[in-house]
PDB file of all heavy atoms in Angstrom:
ATOM      1  N   GLN A   1      31.700  -3.120  -2.561  1.00  0.00           N
ATOM      2  CA  GLN A   1      31.367  -3.333  -3.999  1.00  0.00           C
ATOM      3  C   GLN A   1      32.446  -4.099  -4.634  1.00  0.00           C
ATOM      4  O   GLN A   1      33.680  -3.891  -4.452  1.00  0.00           O
ATOM      5  CB  GLN A   1      31.065  -2.084  -4.744  1.00  0.00           C
ATOM      6  CG  GLN A   1      29.846  -1.260  -4.204  1.00  0.00           C
ATOM      7  CD  GLN A   1      28.570  -2.010  -4.216  1.00  0.00           C
ATOM      8  OE1 GLN A   1      28.226  -2.594  -5.294  1.00  0.00           O
ATOM      9  NE2 GLN A   1      27.915  -2.009  -3.114  1.00  0.00           N
ATOM     10  N   GLY A   2      32.096  -5.111  -5.569  1.00  0.00           N
ATOM     11  CA  GLY A   2      33.121  -5.851  -6.229  1.00  0.00           C
ATOM     12  C   GLY A   2      33.362  -5.348  -7.632  1.00  0.00           C
ATOM     13  O   GLY A   2      34.376  -5.753  -8.257  1.00  0.00           O
ATOM     14  N   GLU A   3      32.514  -4.400  -8.193  1.00  0.00           N
ATOM     15  CA  GLU A   3      32.795  -3.866  -9.544  1.00  0.00           C
ATOM     16  C   GLU A   3      33.067  -2.402  -9.307  1.00  0.00           C
ATOM     17  O   GLU A   3      32.190  -1.675  -8.896  1.00  0.00           O
ATOM     18  CB  GLU A   3      31.663  -4.142 -10.473  1.00  0.00           C
ATOM     19  CG  GLU A   3      31.384  -5.547 -10.727  1.00  0.00           C
ATOM     20  CD  GLU A   3      30.210  -5.815 -11.731  1.00  0.00           C
ATOM     21  OE1 GLU A   3      30.017  -4.863 -12.507  1.00  0.00           O
ATOM     22  OE2 GLU A   3      29.632  -6.906 -11.612  1.00  0.00           O
ATOM     23  N   PHE A   4      34.137  -1.874  -9.730  1.00  0.00           N
ATOM     24  CA  PHE A   4      34.524  -0.549  -9.592  1.00  0.00           C
ATOM     25  C   PHE A   4      35.784  -0.135 -10.409  1.00  0.00           C
ATOM     26  O   PHE A   4      36.563  -1.051 -10.716  1.00  0.00           O
ATOM     27  CB  PHE A   4      34.737  -0.197  -8.103  1.00  0.00           C
ATOM     28  CG  PHE A   4      35.860  -0.989  -7.340  1.00  0.00           C
ATOM     29  CD1 PHE A   4      37.163  -0.585  -7.443  1.00  0.00           C
ATOM     30  CD2 PHE A   4      35.561  -2.198  -6.846  1.00  0.00           C
ATOM     31  CE1 PHE A   4      38.138  -1.330  -6.788  1.00  0.00           C
ATOM     32  CE2 PHE A   4      36.486  -2.990  -6.189  1.00  0.00           C
ATOM     33  CZ  PHE A   4      37.870  -2.587  -6.267  1.00  0.00           C
ATOM     34  N   TYR A   5      35.958   1.156 -10.592  1.00  0.00           N
ATOM     35  CA  TYR A   5      37.181   1.742 -11.092  1.00  0.00           C
ATOM     36  C   TYR A   5      37.988   2.390  -9.926  1.00  0.00           C
ATOM     37  O   TYR A   5      37.365   2.919  -9.007  1.00  0.00           O
ATOM     38  CB  TYR A   5      36.966   2.752 -12.198  1.00  0.00           C
ATOM     39  CG  TYR A   5      36.622   2.156 -13.560  1.00  0.00           C
ATOM     40  CD1 TYR A   5      35.301   1.968 -13.919  1.00  0.00           C
ATOM     41  CD2 TYR A   5      37.589   2.002 -14.512  1.00  0.00           C
ATOM     42  CE1 TYR A   5      34.930   1.437 -15.080  1.00  0.00           C
ATOM     43  CE2 TYR A   5      37.254   1.483 -15.723  1.00  0.00           C
ATOM     44  CZ  TYR A   5      35.889   1.151 -16.047  1.00  0.00           C
ATOM     45  OH  TYR A   5      35.477   0.626 -17.255  1.00  0.00           O
ATOM     46  N   LEU A   6      39.274   2.337  -9.979  1.00  0.00           N
ATOM     47  CA  LEU A   6      40.103   2.892  -8.998  1.00  0.00           C
ATOM     48  C   LEU A   6      41.343   3.542  -9.603  1.00  0.00           C
ATOM     49  O   LEU A   6      41.983   2.843 -10.375  1.00  0.00           O
ATOM     50  CB  LEU A   6      40.449   1.910  -7.895  1.00  0.00           C
ATOM     51  CG  LEU A   6      41.218   2.361  -6.691  1.00  0.00           C
ATOM     52  CD1 LEU A   6      40.437   3.411  -5.881  1.00  0.00           C
ATOM     53  CD2 LEU A   6      41.673   1.145  -5.781  1.00  0.00           C
ATOM     54  N   VAL A   7      41.624   4.719  -9.169  1.00  0.00           N
ATOM     55  CA  VAL A   7      42.778   5.438  -9.676  1.00  0.00           C
ATOM     56  C   VAL A   7      43.846   5.475  -8.622  1.00  0.00           C
ATOM     57  O   VAL A   7      43.572   5.866  -7.407  1.00  0.00           O
ATOM     58  CB  VAL A   7      42.500   6.891 -10.106  1.00  0.00           C
ATOM     59  CG1 VAL A   7      43.767   7.538 -10.649  1.00  0.00           C
ATOM     60  CG2 VAL A   7      41.418   6.891 -11.273  1.00  0.00           C
ATOM     61  N   GLY A   8      45.069   4.986  -8.932  1.00  0.00           N
ATOM     62  CA  GLY A   8      46.077   4.985  -7.811  1.00  0.00           C
ATOM     63  C   GLY A   8      47.382   4.400  -8.311  1.00  0.00           C
ATOM     64  O   GLY A   8      47.484   3.939  -9.488  1.00  0.00           O
ATOM     65  N   ASP A   9      48.387   4.478  -7.422  1.00  0.00           N
ATOM     66  CA  ASP A   9      49.668   3.894  -7.707  1.00  0.00           C
ATOM     67  C   ASP A   9      49.687   2.484  -7.174  1.00  0.00           C
ATOM     68  O   ASP A   9      48.706   1.972  -6.638  1.00  0.00           O
ATOM     69  CB  ASP A   9      50.826   4.709  -7.189  1.00  0.00           C
ATOM     70  CG  ASP A   9      50.701   4.966  -5.679  1.00  0.00           C
ATOM     71  OD1 ASP A   9      49.810   4.378  -5.027  1.00  0.00           O
ATOM     72  OD2 ASP A   9      51.561   5.656  -5.164  1.00  0.00           O
ATOM     73  N   LEU A  10      50.739   1.793  -7.308  1.00  0.00           N
ATOM     74  CA  LEU A  10      50.907   0.404  -6.896  1.00  0.00           C
ATOM     75  C   LEU A  10      50.503   0.273  -5.388  1.00  0.00           C
ATOM     76  O   LEU A  10      49.915  -0.664  -4.949  1.00  0.00           O
ATOM     77  CB  LEU A  10      52.273  -0.133  -7.150  1.00  0.00           C
ATOM     78  CG  LEU A  10      52.637  -1.501  -6.588  1.00  0.00           C
ATOM     79  CD1 LEU A  10      51.667  -2.611  -7.226  1.00  0.00           C
ATOM     80  CD2 LEU A  10      54.081  -1.853  -6.824  1.00  0.00           C
ATOM     81  N   GLN A  11      51.039   1.171  -4.589  1.00  0.00           N
ATOM     82  CA  GLN A  11      50.791   1.113  -3.151  1.00  0.00           C
ATOM     83  C   GLN A  11      49.287   1.184  -2.843  1.00  0.00           C
ATOM     84  O   GLN A  11      48.821   0.508  -1.937  1.00  0.00           O
ATOM     85  CB  GLN A  11      51.647   2.226  -2.408  1.00  0.00           C
ATOM     86  CG  GLN A  11      51.436   2.141  -0.895  1.00  0.00           C
ATOM     87  CD  GLN A  11      52.358   3.144  -0.175  1.00  0.00           C
ATOM     88  OE1 GLN A  11      53.041   3.853  -0.811  1.00  0.00           O
ATOM     89  NE2 GLN A  11      52.215   3.149   1.069  1.00  0.00           N
ATOM     90  N   LYS A  12      48.646   2.029  -3.553  1.00  0.00           N
ATOM     91  CA  LYS A  12      47.179   2.217  -3.239  1.00  0.00           C
ATOM     92  C   LYS A  12      46.395   0.917  -3.551  1.00  0.00           C
ATOM     93  O   LYS A  12      45.534   0.457  -2.726  1.00  0.00           O
ATOM     94  CB  LYS A  12      46.559   3.310  -3.998  1.00  0.00           C
ATOM     95  CG  LYS A  12      45.096   3.668  -3.702  1.00  0.00           C
ATOM     96  CD  LYS A  12      44.591   4.927  -4.393  1.00  0.00           C
ATOM     97  CE  LYS A  12      43.214   5.263  -3.930  1.00  0.00           C
ATOM     98  NZ  LYS A  12      42.724   6.560  -4.462  1.00  0.00           N
ATOM     99  N   PHE A  13      46.683   0.293  -4.662  1.00  0.00           N
ATOM    100  CA  PHE A  13      45.967  -0.950  -4.989  1.00  0.00           C
ATOM    101  C   PHE A  13      46.460  -2.129  -3.980  1.00  0.00           C
ATOM    102  O   PHE A  13      45.575  -2.886  -3.640  1.00  0.00           O
ATOM    103  CB  PHE A  13      46.347  -1.392  -6.434  1.00  0.00           C
ATOM    104  CG  PHE A  13      45.767  -0.500  -7.414  1.00  0.00           C
ATOM    105  CD1 PHE A  13      46.700   0.285  -8.276  1.00  0.00           C
ATOM    106  CD2 PHE A  13      44.459  -0.354  -7.705  1.00  0.00           C
ATOM    107  CE1 PHE A  13      46.234   1.148  -9.249  1.00  0.00           C
ATOM    108  CE2 PHE A  13      43.935   0.512  -8.583  1.00  0.00           C
ATOM    109  CZ  PHE A  13      44.823   1.285  -9.397  1.00  0.00           C
ATOM    110  N   ALA A  14      47.710  -2.122  -3.650  1.00  0.00           N
ATOM    111  CA  ALA A  14      48.161  -3.097  -2.691  1.00  0.00           C
ATOM    112  C   ALA A  14      47.593  -2.947  -1.315  1.00  0.00           C
ATOM    113  O   ALA A  14      47.288  -3.881  -0.648  1.00  0.00           O
ATOM    114  CB  ALA A  14      49.668  -3.175  -2.671  1.00  0.00           C
ATOM    115  N   ASN A  15      47.521  -1.719  -0.933  1.00  0.00           N
ATOM    116  CA  ASN A  15      46.884  -1.371   0.398  1.00  0.00           C
ATOM    117  C   ASN A  15      45.463  -1.931   0.499  1.00  0.00           C
ATOM    118  O   ASN A  15      45.075  -2.424   1.592  1.00  0.00           O
ATOM    119  CB  ASN A  15      46.898   0.087   0.739  1.00  0.00           C
ATOM    120  CG  ASN A  15      48.175   0.542   1.325  1.00  0.00           C
ATOM    121  OD1 ASN A  15      48.888  -0.276   2.053  1.00  0.00           O
ATOM    122  ND2 ASN A  15      48.607   1.816   1.140  1.00  0.00           N
ATOM    123  N   LEU A  16      44.737  -1.846  -0.540  1.00  0.00           N
ATOM    124  CA  LEU A  16      43.350  -2.315  -0.604  1.00  0.00           C
ATOM    125  C   LEU A  16      43.366  -3.866  -0.486  1.00  0.00           C
ATOM    126  O   LEU A  16      42.382  -4.448   0.068  1.00  0.00           O
ATOM    127  CB  LEU A  16      42.563  -1.846  -1.831  1.00  0.00           C
ATOM    128  CG  LEU A  16      41.096  -2.135  -1.854  1.00  0.00           C
ATOM    129  CD1 LEU A  16      40.416  -1.654  -0.550  1.00  0.00           C
ATOM    130  CD2 LEU A  16      40.472  -1.616  -3.025  1.00  0.00           C
ATOM    131  N   ILE A  17      44.347  -4.556  -1.109  1.00  0.00           N
ATOM    132  CA  ILE A  17      44.546  -5.987  -0.874  1.00  0.00           C
ATOM    133  C   ILE A  17      44.577  -6.367   0.627  1.00  0.00           C
ATOM    134  O   ILE A  17      43.965  -7.203   1.159  1.00  0.00           O
ATOM    135  CB  ILE A  17      45.681  -6.535  -1.639  1.00  0.00           C
ATOM    136  CG1 ILE A  17      45.463  -6.480  -3.141  1.00  0.00           C
ATOM    137  CG2 ILE A  17      45.978  -8.038  -1.175  1.00  0.00           C
ATOM    138  CD1 ILE A  17      46.677  -6.930  -3.972  1.00  0.00           C
ATOM    139  N   ILE A  18      45.481  -5.581   1.275  1.00  0.00           N
ATOM    140  CA  ILE A  18      45.808  -5.786   2.699  1.00  0.00           C
ATOM    141  C   ILE A  18      44.412  -5.620   3.518  1.00  0.00           C
ATOM    142  O   ILE A  18      44.063  -6.290   4.453  1.00  0.00           O
ATOM    143  CB  ILE A  18      46.838  -4.856   3.240  1.00  0.00           C
ATOM    144  CG1 ILE A  18      48.113  -5.138   2.485  1.00  0.00           C
ATOM    145  CG2 ILE A  18      47.019  -5.013   4.712  1.00  0.00           C
ATOM    146  CD1 ILE A  18      48.638  -6.549   2.661  1.00  0.00           C
ATOM    147  N   VAL A  19      43.609  -4.524   3.219  1.00  0.00           N
ATOM    148  CA  VAL A  19      42.430  -4.188   3.882  1.00  0.00           C
ATOM    149  C   VAL A  19      41.479  -5.409   3.722  1.00  0.00           C
ATOM    150  O   VAL A  19      40.782  -5.820   4.714  1.00  0.00           O
ATOM    151  CB  VAL A  19      41.754  -2.954   3.329  1.00  0.00           C
ATOM    152  CG1 VAL A  19      40.341  -2.767   3.874  1.00  0.00           C
ATOM    153  CG2 VAL A  19      42.594  -1.667   3.716  1.00  0.00           C
ATOM    154  N   ASN A  20      41.339  -5.994   2.537  1.00  0.00           N
ATOM    155  CA  ASN A  20      40.401  -7.056   2.270  1.00  0.00           C
ATOM    156  C   ASN A  20      40.850  -8.315   2.974  1.00  0.00           C
ATOM    157  O   ASN A  20      40.019  -9.075   3.461  1.00  0.00           O
ATOM    158  CB  ASN A  20      40.212  -7.287   0.798  1.00  0.00           C
ATOM    159  CG  ASN A  20      39.283  -6.210   0.212  1.00  0.00           C
ATOM    160  OD1 ASN A  20      38.065  -6.374   0.395  1.00  0.00           O
ATOM    161  ND2 ASN A  20      39.811  -5.247  -0.551  1.00  0.00           N
ATOM    162  N   LEU A  21      42.193  -8.584   2.973  1.00  0.00           N
ATOM    163  CA  LEU A  21      42.677  -9.726   3.651  1.00  0.00           C
ATOM    164  C   LEU A  21      42.416  -9.653   5.149  1.00  0.00           C
ATOM    165  O   LEU A  21      41.994 -10.647   5.850  1.00  0.00           O
ATOM    166  CB  LEU A  21      44.143  -9.955   3.393  1.00  0.00           C
ATOM    167  CG  LEU A  21      44.605 -10.334   1.938  1.00  0.00           C
ATOM    168  CD1 LEU A  21      46.050 -10.325   1.779  1.00  0.00           C
ATOM    169  CD2 LEU A  21      44.013 -11.754   1.644  1.00  0.00           C
ATOM    170  N   ASN A  22      42.662  -8.607   5.739  1.00  0.00           N
ATOM    171  CA  ASN A  22      42.449  -8.470   7.194  1.00  0.00           C
ATOM    172  C   ASN A  22      41.023  -8.408   7.614  1.00  0.00           C
ATOM    173  O   ASN A  22      40.742  -8.550   8.736  1.00  0.00           O
ATOM    174  CB  ASN A  22      43.223  -7.114   7.684  1.00  0.00           C
ATOM    175  CG  ASN A  22      44.761  -7.341   7.699  1.00  0.00           C
ATOM    176  OD1 ASN A  22      45.189  -8.415   7.774  1.00  0.00           O
ATOM    177  ND2 ASN A  22      45.499  -6.292   7.691  1.00  0.00           N
ATOM    178  N   ARG A  23      40.138  -8.100   6.598  1.00  0.00           N
ATOM    179  CA  ARG A  23      38.710  -8.236   6.873  1.00  0.00           C
ATOM    180  C   ARG A  23      38.341  -9.608   7.315  1.00  0.00           C
ATOM    181  O   ARG A  23      37.455  -9.838   8.107  1.00  0.00           O
ATOM    182  CB  ARG A  23      37.947  -7.787   5.654  1.00  0.00           C
ATOM    183  CG  ARG A  23      36.480  -7.982   5.594  1.00  0.00           C
ATOM    184  CD  ARG A  23      35.805  -7.214   4.500  1.00  0.00           C
ATOM    185  NE  ARG A  23      36.531  -7.507   3.203  1.00  0.00           N
ATOM    186  CZ  ARG A  23      36.293  -8.633   2.441  1.00  0.00           C
ATOM    187  NH1 ARG A  23      35.429  -9.534   2.880  1.00  0.00           N
ATOM    188  NH2 ARG A  23      36.955  -8.795   1.339  1.00  0.00           N
ATOM    189  N   LEU A  24      39.107 -10.599   6.726  1.00  0.00           N
ATOM    190  CA  LEU A  24      38.824 -12.052   7.126  1.00  0.00           C
ATOM    191  C   LEU A  24      39.760 -12.549   8.169  1.00  0.00           C
ATOM    192  O   LEU A  24      39.396 -13.337   8.982  1.00  0.00           O
ATOM    193  CB  LEU A  24      38.944 -12.859   5.949  1.00  0.00           C
ATOM    194  CG  LEU A  24      38.011 -12.564   4.676  1.00  0.00           C
ATOM    195  CD1 LEU A  24      38.253 -13.501   3.566  1.00  0.00           C
ATOM    196  CD2 LEU A  24      36.576 -12.531   5.099  1.00  0.00           C
ATOM    197  N   ALA A  25      41.011 -12.132   8.117  1.00  0.00           N
ATOM    198  CA  ALA A  25      42.059 -12.689   8.966  1.00  0.00           C
ATOM    199  C   ALA A  25      42.148 -11.980  10.328  1.00  0.00           C
ATOM    200  O   ALA A  25      42.651 -12.523  11.382  1.00  0.00           O
ATOM    201  CB  ALA A  25      43.395 -12.718   8.328  1.00  0.00           C
ATOM    202  N   GLY A  26      41.700 -10.729  10.322  1.00  0.00           N
ATOM    203  CA  GLY A  26      41.754  -9.940  11.638  1.00  0.00           C
ATOM    204  C   GLY A  26      42.750  -8.744  11.393  1.00  0.00           C
ATOM    205  O   GLY A  26      43.722  -8.788  10.642  1.00  0.00           O
ATOM    206  N   ASP A  27      42.390  -7.632  12.044  1.00  0.00           N
ATOM    207  CA  ASP A  27      43.218  -6.332  11.937  1.00  0.00           C
ATOM    208  C   ASP A  27      44.741  -6.634  12.136  1.00  0.00           C
ATOM    209  O   ASP A  27      45.080  -7.230  13.211  1.00  0.00           O
ATOM    210  CB  ASP A  27      42.683  -5.302  12.760  1.00  0.00           C
ATOM    211  CG  ASP A  27      41.365  -4.738  12.344  1.00  0.00           C
ATOM    212  OD1 ASP A  27      40.989  -4.932  11.168  1.00  0.00           O
ATOM    213  OD2 ASP A  27      40.598  -4.103  13.142  1.00  0.00           O
ATOM    214  N   GLY A  28      45.530  -6.183  11.273  1.00  0.00           N
ATOM    215  CA  GLY A  28      46.977  -6.253  11.494  1.00  0.00           C
ATOM    216  C   GLY A  28      47.608  -7.611  11.186  1.00  0.00           C
ATOM    217  O   GLY A  28      48.842  -7.723  11.271  1.00  0.00           O
ATOM    218  N   TYR A  29      46.809  -8.584  10.742  1.00  0.00           N
ATOM    219  CA  TYR A  29      47.402  -9.900  10.515  1.00  0.00           C
ATOM    220  C   TYR A  29      48.330  -9.805   9.307  1.00  0.00           C
ATOM    221  O   TYR A  29      49.463 -10.304   9.252  1.00  0.00           O
ATOM    222  CB  TYR A  29      46.284 -10.936  10.233  1.00  0.00           C
ATOM    223  CG  TYR A  29      46.881 -12.357  10.121  1.00  0.00           C
ATOM    224  CD1 TYR A  29      47.041 -13.150  11.233  1.00  0.00           C
ATOM    225  CD2 TYR A  29      47.147 -12.886   8.943  1.00  0.00           C
ATOM    226  CE1 TYR A  29      47.493 -14.488  11.123  1.00  0.00           C
ATOM    227  CE2 TYR A  29      47.596 -14.170   8.710  1.00  0.00           C
ATOM    228  CZ  TYR A  29      47.874 -14.924   9.912  1.00  0.00           C
ATOM    229  OH  TYR A  29      48.277 -16.210   9.777  1.00  0.00           O
ATOM    230  N   TYR A  30      47.766  -9.253   8.165  1.00  0.00           N
ATOM    231  CA  TYR A  30      48.650  -9.067   7.029  1.00  0.00           C
ATOM    232  C   TYR A  30      49.165  -7.630   6.901  1.00  0.00           C
ATOM    233  O   TYR A  30      48.536  -6.698   7.341  1.00  0.00           O
ATOM    234  CB  TYR A  30      47.779  -9.276   5.692  1.00  0.00           C
ATOM    235  CG  TYR A  30      47.493 -10.831   5.498  1.00  0.00           C
ATOM    236  CD1 TYR A  30      46.342 -11.406   5.929  1.00  0.00           C
ATOM    237  CD2 TYR A  30      48.462 -11.584   4.807  1.00  0.00           C
ATOM    238  CE1 TYR A  30      46.087 -12.782   5.680  1.00  0.00           C
ATOM    239  CE2 TYR A  30      48.268 -12.916   4.564  1.00  0.00           C
ATOM    240  CZ  TYR A  30      47.098 -13.472   5.037  1.00  0.00           C
ATOM    241  OH  TYR A  30      46.846 -14.853   4.830  1.00  0.00           O
ATOM    242  N   GLN A  31      50.227  -7.531   6.322  1.00  0.00           N
ATOM    243  CA  GLN A  31      50.910  -6.158   6.290  1.00  0.00           C
ATOM    244  C   GLN A  31      51.504  -6.021   4.853  1.00  0.00           C
ATOM    245  O   GLN A  31      51.750  -6.929   4.162  1.00  0.00           O
ATOM    246  CB  GLN A  31      51.972  -5.909   7.389  1.00  0.00           C
ATOM    247  CG  GLN A  31      51.458  -5.997   8.732  1.00  0.00           C
ATOM    248  CD  GLN A  31      52.550  -5.851   9.780  1.00  0.00           C
ATOM    249  OE1 GLN A  31      53.528  -5.257   9.472  1.00  0.00           O
ATOM    250  NE2 GLN A  31      52.235  -6.170  11.035  1.00  0.00           N
ATOM    251  N   LEU A  32      51.753  -4.725   4.483  1.00  0.00           N
ATOM    252  CA  LEU A  32      52.369  -4.409   3.230  1.00  0.00           C
ATOM    253  C   LEU A  32      53.749  -3.710   3.538  1.00  0.00           C
ATOM    254  O   LEU A  32      53.822  -2.738   4.170  1.00  0.00           O
ATOM    255  CB  LEU A  32      51.482  -3.442   2.474  1.00  0.00           C
ATOM    256  CG  LEU A  32      51.981  -2.994   1.080  1.00  0.00           C
ATOM    257  CD1 LEU A  32      52.127  -4.142   0.096  1.00  0.00           C
ATOM    258  CD2 LEU A  32      51.068  -1.925   0.450  1.00  0.00           C
ATOM    259  N   ALA A  33      54.767  -4.328   2.902  1.00  0.00           N
ATOM    260  CA  ALA A  33      56.122  -3.695   3.012  1.00  0.00           C
ATOM    261  C   ALA A  33      56.180  -2.473   2.097  1.00  0.00           C
ATOM    262  O   ALA A  33      55.239  -2.183   1.391  1.00  0.00           O
ATOM    263  CB  ALA A  33      57.149  -4.760   2.635  1.00  0.00           C
ATOM    264  N   SER A  34      57.226  -1.602   2.306  1.00  0.00           N
ATOM    265  CA  SER A  34      57.331  -0.448   1.462  1.00  0.00           C
ATOM    266  C   SER A  34      57.376  -0.865  -0.033  1.00  0.00           C
ATOM    267  O   SER A  34      57.968  -1.876  -0.409  1.00  0.00           O
ATOM    268  CB  SER A  34      58.612   0.276   1.791  1.00  0.00           C
ATOM    269  OG  SER A  34      59.821  -0.549   1.647  1.00  0.00           O
ATOM    270  N   THR A  35      56.681  -0.109  -0.872  1.00  0.00           N
ATOM    271  CA  THR A  35      56.568  -0.479  -2.261  1.00  0.00           C
ATOM    272  C   THR A  35      57.298   0.484  -3.146  1.00  0.00           C
ATOM    273  O   THR A  35      57.494   1.730  -2.802  1.00  0.00           O
ATOM    274  CB  THR A  35      55.114  -0.423  -2.664  1.00  0.00           C
ATOM    275  OG1 THR A  35      54.509   0.917  -2.424  1.00  0.00           O
ATOM    276  CG2 THR A  35      54.324  -1.503  -1.833  1.00  0.00           C
TER     277      THR A  35
END
């Protein structure tokens, strides 16, 4: 879904960015450093 509310800290929102990027680029292509 593209419309939603989400409760979390910076790391939670950033992790979802990584999930969505790797959905297109392939698992493990993008990573998140410690936040």
